[in-house]
Amino acid sequence: MSDGSVYNGGLHLVTGAAGRTGLALCAELKSRARAVRALVHRQHDVVLPFLRRYADEIVVADIRKPEELASAFSGAAYVYHLAGIVSIASAIDRDLYEVNVIGTENVINACLNCDVKRLVYTGTVHTLPFHDKTSTLKEMPRFDPDAVHGAYAVTKSQASNLVLDAARDRGLDAVIGMPSGIVGGFELKRSNFGQMLADVAERRLPVYLKGRYDFVDVRDVAKALADLAEKGVKGESYILSGHVVSVEDLVAMAARSAGVRPPKICLPLPLVAFFSRFAEWHSVLTKQTLMFTPYAIKVLGDNCNFSHEKISALTGYSPRPIAEAIAEQVDFYFNVYKPLFCK
């Protein structure tokens, strides 16, 4: 199957199906009349009824436990591995490593044991090292965990290499999709970025940060992952980027979509970076959700010139305007998330 020609029938299994990208992918596959099996980590009275709109069946399994994956993967022709922990922490903790690295190894073994036709692994552009802020970042033949920063980037680099090794040495037909910052609807699990947009929409955010990053609509990512199952070339990775947008413009888009005024005060990155190390230390000490860390602030000032030329040439990939994604995310927050979780 090295020519990328893959028959797209059979059962499609999505791990991490309760997450935003997982939900969007299930919806995309369902729109293509695919048979969809959704794998989730745990039962959830609110998320599962929503997921049933797009999945033909839902199975509960922990990717850290190989014995739970055998039956979940049985009969699957295509596996999309999205399950993982996204973290802005500086240090790797046990859960992050076990889910992102060991979990991926377990998924690879389950694919091989169950004769899966193709694995589509969701990596990240955070695994791409850079040496300046202006060069164009493209796909690499292999990832270097020692060349990137942040616990998330390191573990995803390690996991991506496991996928490449399995494709090269173990006979697994696998491809990698590497999204940039994902925005848009389907967010039932609140991310740090999603919380910021909600705070803007509810007029709870008094200040915002300077900086920029590349953001992509979750619908574009879902479509690209589904396309890679059919057209991707074995052992290759593909950047799924969108548009570089400043935080100021993102905040303005969210405020406009919600019909409110955006915050006026902008904090410079060096100032926030200085205090972020203390904020991370305090959050870890008190076991609170990390909001500001040196890694998170660093990303907003790093090179984010990601090229999606490779996936565009393969599938015609063309990312939507980010304003559409932000408007959809705000609409989803008010009309789906709040009615479900804020009763």
Protein backbone atom coordinates (compact mmCIF):
# COMPACT_ATOMS: atom_id res chain seq x y z
CA MET A 1 0.00 0.00 0.00
CA SER A 2 3.02 2.29 -0.24
CA ASP A 3 1.48 4.13 -3.20
CA GLY A 4 -1.19 5.54 -0.91
CA SER A 5 -4.01 3.71 -2.69
CA VAL A 6 -6.16 2.35 0.14
CA TYR A 7 -9.69 0.98 -0.12
CA ASN A 8 -11.80 3.06 2.24
CA GLY A 9 -14.52 0.57 3.14
CA GLY A 10 -14.87 -1.32 6.41
CA LEU A 11 -15.09 -0.20 9.99
CA HIS A 12 -13.41 3.05 11.06
CA LEU A 13 -12.28 3.21 14.70
CA VAL A 14 -11.58 6.59 16.32
CA THR A 15 -9.69 6.72 19.62
CA GLY A 16 -10.15 9.85 21.72
CA ALA A 17 -13.58 10.19 20.15
CA ALA A 18 -14.96 12.34 22.98
CA GLY A 19 -12.45 15.12 22.31
CA ARG A 20 -13.11 17.99 19.93
CA THR A 21 -11.15 16.58 16.99
CA GLY A 22 -12.48 13.09 17.70
CA LEU A 23 -16.08 14.30 17.61
CA ALA A 24 -15.47 16.31 14.43
CA LEU A 25 -13.79 13.29 12.80
CA CYS A 26 -16.68 11.00 13.70
CA ALA A 27 -19.04 13.55 12.15
CA GLU A 28 -16.88 13.77 9.01
CA LEU A 29 -16.69 9.99 8.64
CA LYS A 30 -20.44 9.68 9.18
CA SER A 31 -21.02 12.26 6.43
CA ARG A 32 -19.01 9.95 4.15
CA ALA A 33 -21.28 7.03 5.07
CA ARG A 34 -18.50 5.21 6.94
CA ALA A 35 -19.21 2.75 9.73
CA VAL A 36 -17.82 4.46 12.86
CA ARG A 37 -16.75 2.89 16.14
CA ALA A 38 -15.87 5.48 18.79
CA LEU A 39 -13.42 4.60 21.56
CA VAL A 40 -13.66 6.68 24.73
CA HIS A 41 -11.75 6.51 27.99
CA ARG A 42 -14.77 6.55 30.28
CA GLN A 43 -18.54 6.76 30.35
CA HIS A 44 -19.93 10.29 30.43
CA ASP A 45 -23.65 10.97 30.73
CA VAL A 46 -23.44 14.19 28.68
CA VAL A 47 -20.75 13.50 26.08
CA LEU A 48 -21.89 10.02 25.02
CA PRO A 49 -25.43 11.01 23.93
CA PHE A 50 -23.86 13.76 21.80
CA LEU A 51 -21.32 11.33 20.36
CA ARG A 52 -24.07 8.86 19.42
CA ARG A 53 -25.19 11.30 16.74
CA TYR A 54 -22.08 10.39 14.75
CA ALA A 55 -20.92 6.95 15.96
CA ASP A 56 -22.54 3.64 15.11
CA GLU A 57 -21.10 2.12 18.28
CA ILE A 58 -19.19 3.34 21.33
CA VAL A 59 -16.67 1.28 23.28
CA VAL A 60 -14.95 2.18 26.54
CA ALA A 61 -11.27 1.28 26.84
CA ASP A 62 -8.06 2.63 28.31
CA ILE A 63 -5.24 2.80 25.74
CA ARG A 64 -2.76 2.26 28.59
CA LYS A 65 -4.17 -1.25 29.05
CA PRO A 66 -3.43 -3.56 26.09
CA GLU A 67 -5.89 -6.17 27.32
CA GLU A 68 -8.75 -3.69 26.80
CA LEU A 69 -7.80 -2.90 23.20
CA ALA A 70 -8.11 -6.36 21.67
CA SER A 71 -11.90 -6.41 21.54
CA ALA A 72 -12.13 -2.67 20.82
CA PHE A 73 -9.91 -3.02 17.72
CA SER A 74 -11.36 -6.32 16.53
CA GLY A 75 -12.85 -5.96 13.05
CA ALA A 76 -11.55 -2.42 12.49
CA ALA A 77 -10.19 -1.71 9.02
CA TYR A 78 -8.97 1.82 9.74
CA VAL A 79 -7.85 3.31 13.05
CA TYR A 80 -7.50 7.02 13.75
CA HIS A 81 -5.47 7.45 16.92
CA LEU A 82 -6.37 10.78 18.51
CA ALA A 83 -6.43 9.82 22.20
CA GLY A 84 -3.80 11.68 24.19
CA ILE A 85 -3.12 14.35 26.75
CA VAL A 86 -2.45 17.90 25.57
CA SER A 87 -0.31 19.70 28.12
CA ILE A 88 1.41 23.07 28.50
CA ALA A 89 3.54 21.72 31.37
CA SER A 90 7.31 21.99 31.29
CA ALA A 91 8.01 18.58 32.86
CA ILE A 92 6.76 15.16 31.77
CA ASP A 93 4.66 13.43 34.39
CA ARG A 94 3.71 9.75 34.49
CA ASP A 95 0.20 10.16 33.08
CA LEU A 96 1.43 12.19 30.12
CA TYR A 97 4.09 9.63 29.22
CA GLU A 98 1.86 6.60 29.74
CA VAL A 99 -0.98 8.00 27.63
CA ASN A 100 0.96 9.71 24.84
CA VAL A 101 3.85 7.26 24.44
CA ILE A 102 2.94 3.90 25.99
CA GLY A 103 -0.65 4.33 24.82
CA THR A 104 0.50 4.87 21.24
CA GLU A 105 2.71 1.78 21.44
CA ASN A 106 -0.30 -0.21 22.64
CA VAL A 107 -2.41 1.12 19.77
CA ILE A 108 0.29 0.14 17.25
CA ASN A 109 0.42 -3.39 18.67
CA ALA A 110 -3.36 -3.67 18.62
CA CYS A 111 -3.42 -2.56 14.97
CA LEU A 112 -0.86 -5.21 14.06
CA ASN A 113 -2.59 -7.93 16.08
CA CYS A 114 -5.99 -7.13 14.54
CA ASP A 115 -4.76 -6.77 10.94
CA VAL A 116 -5.85 -3.15 10.64
CA LYS A 117 -5.41 -1.88 7.06
CA ARG A 118 -4.17 1.58 8.03
CA LEU A 119 -3.39 3.64 11.12
CA VAL A 120 -3.81 7.41 10.89
CA TYR A 121 -1.94 8.92 13.83
CA THR A 122 -2.59 12.48 14.96
CA GLY A 123 0.72 14.11 15.82
CA THR A 124 1.37 17.84 16.18
CA VAL A 125 3.40 20.65 14.64
CA HIS A 126 4.94 21.13 18.11
CA THR A 127 7.26 18.25 17.23
CA LEU A 128 9.00 20.38 14.58
CA PRO A 129 12.23 22.06 15.78
CA PHE A 130 13.27 25.45 14.43
CA HIS A 131 16.30 27.71 14.59
CA ASP A 132 14.80 31.09 13.71
CA LYS A 133 11.43 32.84 13.54
CA THR A 134 11.22 33.35 9.79
CA SER A 135 11.99 30.06 8.02
CA THR A 136 9.21 27.86 6.63
CA LEU A 137 8.66 24.70 8.66
CA LYS A 138 8.01 21.49 6.72
CA GLU A 139 7.68 17.77 7.41
CA MET A 140 10.68 15.77 8.62
CA PRO A 141 11.63 12.12 7.94
CA ARG A 142 12.07 11.55 11.71
CA PHE A 143 11.47 13.48 14.93
CA ASP A 144 14.03 14.51 17.53
CA PRO A 145 12.62 14.69 21.09
CA ASP A 146 15.81 16.40 22.28
CA ALA A 147 15.34 19.27 19.81
CA VAL A 148 11.92 20.42 21.04
CA HIS A 149 10.66 22.02 24.24
CA GLY A 150 7.73 21.24 26.51
CA ALA A 151 6.44 17.95 27.88
CA TYR A 152 3.75 17.63 25.21
CA ALA A 153 6.13 18.16 22.28
CA VAL A 154 8.65 15.68 23.66
CA THR A 155 6.13 12.88 24.25
CA LYS A 156 4.46 13.43 20.88
CA SER A 157 7.88 13.29 19.19
CA GLN A 158 8.58 9.98 20.89
CA ALA A 159 5.16 8.61 19.93
CA SER A 160 5.47 9.81 16.32
CA ASN A 161 8.77 7.96 16.00
CA LEU A 162 7.09 4.78 17.26
CA VAL A 163 4.58 5.11 14.42
CA LEU A 164 7.32 5.70 11.84
CA ASP A 165 9.31 2.71 13.16
CA ALA A 166 6.24 0.47 12.95
CA ALA A 167 5.66 1.56 9.35
CA ARG A 168 9.30 0.97 8.41
CA ASP A 169 10.15 -2.18 10.37
CA ARG A 170 6.96 -3.94 11.44
CA GLY A 171 4.77 -3.86 8.34
CA LEU A 172 2.17 -1.44 9.69
CA ASP A 173 0.57 0.83 7.09
CA ALA A 174 0.55 4.12 8.97
CA VAL A 175 0.51 7.85 8.20
CA ILE A 176 0.77 10.91 10.46
CA GLY A 177 -1.32 14.09 10.40
CA MET A 178 0.20 17.05 12.28
CA PRO A 179 -2.33 19.78 13.12
CA SER A 180 -1.39 23.24 14.35
CA GLY A 181 -3.58 25.00 16.96
CA ILE A 182 -7.07 23.54 16.56
CA VAL A 183 -10.10 25.81 16.98
CA GLY A 184 -13.79 25.60 16.10
CA GLY A 185 -16.88 23.78 17.31
CA PHE A 186 -17.31 20.34 18.89
CA GLU A 187 -15.46 21.37 22.08
CA LEU A 188 -17.23 19.55 24.89
CA LYS A 189 -13.96 19.23 26.85
CA ARG A 190 -12.80 22.72 27.73
CA SER A 191 -9.27 23.59 26.62
CA ASN A 192 -7.23 26.54 27.86
CA PHE A 193 -7.83 28.31 24.56
CA GLY A 194 -11.52 27.44 24.65
CA GLN A 195 -11.76 28.85 28.16
CA MET A 196 -10.17 32.09 26.94
CA LEU A 197 -12.72 32.43 24.14
CA ALA A 198 -15.56 31.68 26.56
CA ASP A 199 -14.22 34.32 28.94
CA VAL A 200 -14.12 36.85 26.09
CA ALA A 201 -17.67 35.97 25.06
CA GLU A 202 -18.89 36.27 28.67
CA ARG A 203 -16.87 39.48 29.23
CA ARG A 204 -14.82 37.86 31.99
CA LEU A 205 -11.41 38.46 30.37
CA PRO A 206 -9.98 41.87 31.32
CA VAL A 207 -6.65 41.47 29.50
CA TYR A 208 -5.07 39.43 26.72
CA LEU A 209 -1.52 38.54 25.71
CA LYS A 210 0.56 39.73 22.83
CA GLY A 211 1.69 37.02 20.44
CA ARG A 212 0.56 34.93 17.50
CA TYR A 213 0.23 31.36 16.33
CA ASP A 214 -1.04 29.21 13.48
CA PHE A 215 -4.64 28.07 13.98
CA VAL A 216 -6.72 25.64 11.95
CA ASP A 217 -10.45 24.84 11.86
CA VAL A 218 -11.26 21.47 13.44
CA ARG A 219 -13.43 20.66 10.43
CA ASP A 220 -10.41 20.99 8.15
CA VAL A 221 -8.38 18.70 10.41
CA ALA A 222 -11.15 16.10 10.47
CA LYS A 223 -11.48 16.16 6.69
CA ALA A 224 -7.70 15.87 6.25
CA LEU A 225 -7.46 12.89 8.61
CA ALA A 226 -10.27 11.13 6.76
CA ASP A 227 -8.53 11.88 3.44
CA LEU A 228 -5.23 10.48 4.76
CA ALA A 229 -6.92 7.15 5.43
CA GLU A 230 -7.60 6.96 1.71
CA LYS A 231 -4.75 8.88 0.06
CA GLY A 232 -1.86 9.18 2.51
CA VAL A 233 1.44 7.51 1.65
CA LYS A 234 2.67 4.89 4.11
CA GLY A 235 5.33 6.16 6.51
CA GLU A 236 4.78 9.83 5.60
CA SER A 237 3.71 12.75 7.79
CA TYR A 238 1.60 15.73 6.74
CA ILE A 239 1.32 19.18 8.31
CA LEU A 240 -2.32 20.28 8.79
CA SER A 241 -1.88 24.00 9.38
CA GLY A 242 -4.21 26.93 8.83
CA HIS A 243 -3.51 30.63 9.19
CA VAL A 244 -1.18 32.67 11.39
CA VAL A 245 -3.32 34.94 13.57
CA SER A 246 -2.45 37.29 16.41
CA VAL A 247 -4.02 36.82 19.83
CA GLU A 248 -5.44 40.33 19.50
CA ASP A 249 -7.29 39.39 16.31
CA LEU A 250 -8.54 36.13 17.84
CA VAL A 251 -9.94 37.97 20.83
CA ALA A 252 -11.58 40.52 18.54
CA MET A 253 -13.15 37.73 16.45
CA ALA A 254 -14.55 36.03 19.56
CA ALA A 255 -15.94 39.30 20.91
CA ARG A 256 -17.53 40.15 17.55
CA SER A 257 -19.13 36.71 17.33
CA ALA A 258 -20.56 37.11 20.84
CA GLY A 259 -21.68 40.69 20.24
CA VAL A 260 -19.56 42.15 23.04
CA ARG A 261 -16.61 44.50 23.32
CA PRO A 262 -13.14 42.94 23.42
CA PRO A 263 -10.76 43.59 26.33
CA LYS A 264 -8.57 46.65 25.86
CA ILE A 265 -5.42 45.79 27.85
CA CYS A 266 -2.65 43.83 26.15
CA LEU A 267 0.16 42.36 28.23
CA PRO A 268 3.63 41.99 26.63
CA LEU A 269 5.01 38.46 26.45
CA PRO A 270 8.26 39.15 28.38
CA LEU A 271 6.27 40.34 31.39
CA VAL A 272 3.92 37.35 31.35
CA ALA A 273 6.84 34.98 30.71
CA PHE A 274 8.57 36.23 33.85
CA PHE A 275 5.58 35.49 36.07
CA SER A 276 4.62 32.27 34.26
CA ARG A 277 7.31 30.22 35.99
CA PHE A 278 5.81 31.13 39.37
CA ALA A 279 2.28 30.49 38.07
CA GLU A 280 3.25 26.99 36.94
CA TRP A 281 4.99 26.22 40.21
CA HIS A 282 1.92 27.38 42.18
CA SER A 283 -0.47 25.36 39.99
CA VAL A 284 1.59 22.20 40.39
CA LEU A 285 1.89 22.73 44.14
CA THR A 286 -1.84 23.31 44.60
CA LYS A 287 -2.85 20.73 41.93
CA GLN A 288 -4.79 23.32 39.96
CA THR A 289 -5.23 23.44 36.19
CA LEU A 290 -2.21 24.93 34.45
CA MET A 291 -3.09 28.22 32.77
CA PHE A 292 0.21 30.05 32.24
CA THR A 293 3.52 28.25 31.87
CA PRO A 294 6.86 29.27 30.33
CA TYR A 295 6.23 26.80 27.50
CA ALA A 296 2.77 28.18 26.70
CA ILE A 297 4.09 31.73 26.56
CA LYS A 298 7.10 30.68 24.51
CA VAL A 299 4.86 29.16 21.83
CA LEU A 300 3.19 32.53 21.21
CA GLY A 301 6.56 34.04 20.27
CA ASP A 302 8.02 31.08 18.37
CA ASN A 303 8.20 30.38 14.66
CA CYS A 304 4.77 29.26 13.43
CA ASN A 305 5.32 29.41 9.68
CA PHE A 306 4.04 25.90 8.99
CA SER A 307 3.65 24.81 5.38
CA HIS A 308 0.66 22.66 4.39
CA GLU A 309 1.91 22.39 0.81
CA LYS A 310 2.36 18.62 1.05
CA ILE A 311 -1.20 17.78 2.14
CA SER A 312 -2.62 20.37 -0.27
CA ALA A 313 -0.84 18.75 -3.20
CA LEU A 314 -2.12 15.32 -2.14
CA THR A 315 -5.76 16.07 -1.33
CA GLY A 316 -6.54 19.66 -2.33
CA TYR A 317 -6.49 20.69 1.34
CA SER A 318 -7.44 24.37 1.70
CA PRO A 319 -8.03 25.69 5.24
CA ARG A 320 -11.07 27.81 5.94
CA PRO A 321 -10.77 31.39 7.27
CA ILE A 322 -10.16 31.34 11.01
CA ALA A 323 -12.94 33.86 11.60
CA GLU A 324 -15.40 31.13 10.61
CA ALA A 325 -13.90 28.69 13.11
CA ILE A 326 -13.96 31.22 15.95
CA ALA A 327 -17.57 32.15 15.20
CA GLU A 328 -18.51 28.45 15.21
CA GLN A 329 -16.66 27.86 18.49
CA VAL A 330 -18.45 30.75 20.19
CA ASP A 331 -21.79 29.58 18.81
CA PHE A 332 -21.09 26.03 19.99
CA TYR A 333 -20.21 27.34 23.45
CA PHE A 334 -23.50 29.21 23.85
CA ASN A 335 -25.86 26.80 22.10
CA VAL A 336 -24.41 23.38 22.91
CA TYR A 337 -21.81 23.49 25.70
CA LYS A 338 -23.67 25.78 28.14
CA PRO A 339 -27.05 24.03 27.81
CA LEU A 340 -25.34 20.68 28.46
CA PHE A 341 -22.91 21.59 31.24
CA CYS A 342 -24.17 24.82 32.82
CA LYS A 343 -27.71 23.88 33.78
